[in-house]
Amino acid sequence: MGQANLNDTTANAIRDRYKTLFANSFAPNVRYEQMPGADERIAYATEFAAFRLGQIDDKLGRLIELMERAAGPPAPETR
């Protein structure tokens, strides 16, 4: 049971670190002592883009909900 808690804690810490990192503007992972390879830079940029698209999707979903609530209940169908 202790091992599962450690894994959950580690997973949460990694998730929090990514959220903090991706919440800021994109900055390539450049290290002066050694430039990361193209594959690593592409993977990082792809993860960043996916995270930001997810945020946009969430915000659009909330916006649609607010607009639907403001519009009121749908009109009854007539035939």
C-alpha atoms as a PDB file:
ATOM      1  CA  MET A   1       0.000   0.000   0.000  1.00  0.00           C
ATOM      2  CA  GLY A   2       2.908   2.353   0.746  1.00  0.00           C
ATOM      3  CA  GLN A   3       4.264   1.797  -2.773  1.00  0.00           C
ATOM      4  CA  ALA A   4       0.926   2.790  -4.364  1.00  0.00           C
ATOM      5  CA  ASN A   5       0.852   6.018  -2.351  1.00  0.00           C
ATOM      6  CA  LEU A   6       4.409   6.806  -3.416  1.00  0.00           C
ATOM      7  CA  ASN A   7       3.472   6.222  -7.053  1.00  0.00           C
ATOM      8  CA  ASP A   8       0.339   8.377  -6.739  1.00  0.00           C
ATOM      9  CA  THR A   9       2.346  11.135  -5.076  1.00  0.00           C
ATOM     10  CA  THR A  10       5.037  10.932  -7.740  1.00  0.00           C
ATOM     11  CA  ALA A  11       2.449  10.957 -10.541  1.00  0.00           C
ATOM     12  CA  ASN A  12       0.708  13.971  -8.981  1.00  0.00           C
ATOM     13  CA  ALA A  13       4.016  15.810  -8.625  1.00  0.00           C
ATOM     14  CA  ILE A  14       4.885  15.159 -12.267  1.00  0.00           C
ATOM     15  CA  ARG A  15       1.390  16.229 -13.386  1.00  0.00           C
ATOM     16  CA  ASP A  16       1.636  19.426 -11.316  1.00  0.00           C
ATOM     17  CA  ARG A  17       5.074  20.187 -12.743  1.00  0.00           C
ATOM     18  CA  TYR A  18       3.761  19.805 -16.310  1.00  0.00           C
ATOM     19  CA  LYS A  19       0.706  21.966 -15.564  1.00  0.00           C
ATOM     20  CA  THR A  20       2.947  24.698 -14.182  1.00  0.00           C
ATOM     21  CA  LEU A  21       5.350  24.413 -17.095  1.00  0.00           C
ATOM     22  CA  PHE A  22       2.641  24.415 -19.762  1.00  0.00           C
ATOM     23  CA  ALA A  23       0.580  27.161 -18.115  1.00  0.00           C
ATOM     24  CA  ASN A  24       3.296  29.620 -19.099  1.00  0.00           C
ATOM     25  CA  SER A  25       4.133  30.713 -22.605  1.00  0.00           C
ATOM     26  CA  PHE A  26       5.990  28.165 -24.675  1.00  0.00           C
ATOM     27  CA  ALA A  27       9.731  28.256 -24.192  1.00  0.00           C
ATOM     28  CA  PRO A  28      11.870  25.669 -25.967  1.00  0.00           C
ATOM     29  CA  ASN A  29      13.822  23.403 -23.662  1.00  0.00           C
ATOM     30  CA  VAL A  30      17.250  24.881 -24.392  1.00  0.00           C
ATOM     31  CA  ARG A  31      20.222  23.985 -22.257  1.00  0.00           C
ATOM     32  CA  TYR A  32      23.449  25.819 -22.983  1.00  0.00           C
ATOM     33  CA  GLU A  33      25.652  22.868 -22.110  1.00  0.00           C
ATOM     34  CA  GLN A  34      23.849  20.496 -24.493  1.00  0.00           C
ATOM     35  CA  MET A  35      21.115  21.233 -27.014  1.00  0.00           C
ATOM     36  CA  PRO A  36      18.322  18.629 -26.928  1.00  0.00           C
ATOM     37  CA  GLY A  37      17.814  16.633 -30.090  1.00  0.00           C
ATOM     38  CA  ALA A  38      15.125  17.482 -32.603  1.00  0.00           C
ATOM     39  CA  ASP A  39      12.999  14.511 -31.488  1.00  0.00           C
ATOM     40  CA  GLU A  40      12.984  15.734 -27.895  1.00  0.00           C
ATOM     41  CA  ARG A  41      12.145  19.309 -28.911  1.00  0.00           C
ATOM     42  CA  ILE A  42       9.329  18.119 -31.205  1.00  0.00           C
ATOM     43  CA  ALA A  43       7.896  15.886 -28.467  1.00  0.00           C
ATOM     44  CA  TYR A  44       7.940  18.781 -25.988  1.00  0.00           C
ATOM     45  CA  ALA A  45       6.305  21.172 -28.466  1.00  0.00           C
ATOM     46  CA  THR A  46       3.634  18.572 -29.304  1.00  0.00           C
ATOM     47  CA  GLU A  47       2.819  18.006 -25.628  1.00  0.00           C
ATOM     48  CA  PHE A  48       2.605  21.765 -25.089  1.00  0.00           C
ATOM     49  CA  ALA A  49       0.262  22.193 -28.079  1.00  0.00           C
ATOM     50  CA  ALA A  50      -1.956  19.316 -26.916  1.00  0.00           C
ATOM     51  CA  PHE A  51      -2.181  20.797 -23.412  1.00  0.00           C
ATOM     52  CA  ARG A  52      -3.122  24.233 -24.731  1.00  0.00           C
ATOM     53  CA  LEU A  53      -5.714  22.786 -27.139  1.00  0.00           C
ATOM     54  CA  GLY A  54      -7.257  20.949 -24.208  1.00  0.00           C
ATOM     55  CA  GLN A  55      -7.504  24.224 -22.304  1.00  0.00           C
ATOM     56  CA  ILE A  56      -9.139  25.917 -25.311  1.00  0.00           C
ATOM     57  CA  ASP A  57     -11.610  23.036 -25.617  1.00  0.00           C
ATOM     58  CA  ASP A  58     -12.540  23.333 -21.923  1.00  0.00           C
ATOM     59  CA  LYS A  59     -13.056  27.088 -22.192  1.00  0.00           C
ATOM     60  CA  LEU A  60     -15.167  26.773 -25.327  1.00  0.00           C
ATOM     61  CA  GLY A  61     -17.310  24.139 -23.610  1.00  0.00           C
ATOM     62  CA  ARG A  62     -17.930  26.480 -20.678  1.00  0.00           C
ATOM     63  CA  LEU A  63     -18.692  29.354 -23.060  1.00  0.00           C
ATOM     64  CA  ILE A  64     -21.252  27.263 -24.952  1.00  0.00           C
ATOM     65  CA  GLU A  65     -22.907  26.269 -21.665  1.00  0.00           C
ATOM     66  CA  LEU A  66     -23.175  29.917 -20.613  1.00  0.00           C
ATOM     67  CA  MET A  67     -24.621  30.913 -23.991  1.00  0.00           C
ATOM     68  CA  GLU A  68     -27.170  28.087 -23.859  1.00  0.00           C
ATOM     69  CA  ARG A  69     -28.238  29.083 -20.345  1.00  0.00           C
ATOM     70  CA  ALA A  70     -28.586  32.729 -21.405  1.00  0.00           C
ATOM     71  CA  ALA A  71     -30.718  31.697 -24.372  1.00  0.00           C
ATOM     72  CA  GLY A  72     -33.159  29.965 -22.052  1.00  0.00           C
ATOM     73  CA  PRO A  73     -34.972  26.677 -22.526  1.00  0.00           C
ATOM     74  CA  PRO A  74     -35.485  25.471 -26.086  1.00  0.00           C
ATOM     75  CA  ALA A  75     -38.827  26.281 -27.672  1.00  0.00           C
ATOM     76  CA  PRO A  76     -41.267  23.371 -27.848  1.00  0.00           C
ATOM     77  CA  GLU A  77     -41.454  21.676 -31.212  1.00  0.00           C
ATOM     78  CA  THR A  78     -44.597  22.215 -33.234  1.00  0.00           C
ATOM     79  CA  ARG A  79     -45.797  20.143 -36.166  1.00  0.00           C
END
